[in-house]
Amino acid sequence: MDHRLLDIIACPICHGKLIYDKQNLELICKFDHLAYPVRNNIPVLLREEARELPLDEEK
């Protein structure tokens, strides 16, 4: 994932910063407790594609 892209994309719900989880290929929004998938190096920033993060899983 291009780190320059992380500087300009944001959570589609709260518009907050996203954190890239390289191991799970996800973009994490800590505020909304959501993980958006990254498929073929393309972030899928759709609420219906995100998974909810349990509080104990957050990075």
Foldseek 3Di string as FASTA:
>chain_A
DDVVVQVPAAQPPPRHGWDADVVQQWTADPVQQWTFHQDPNRTDRDPVRIDHHDPVPDD
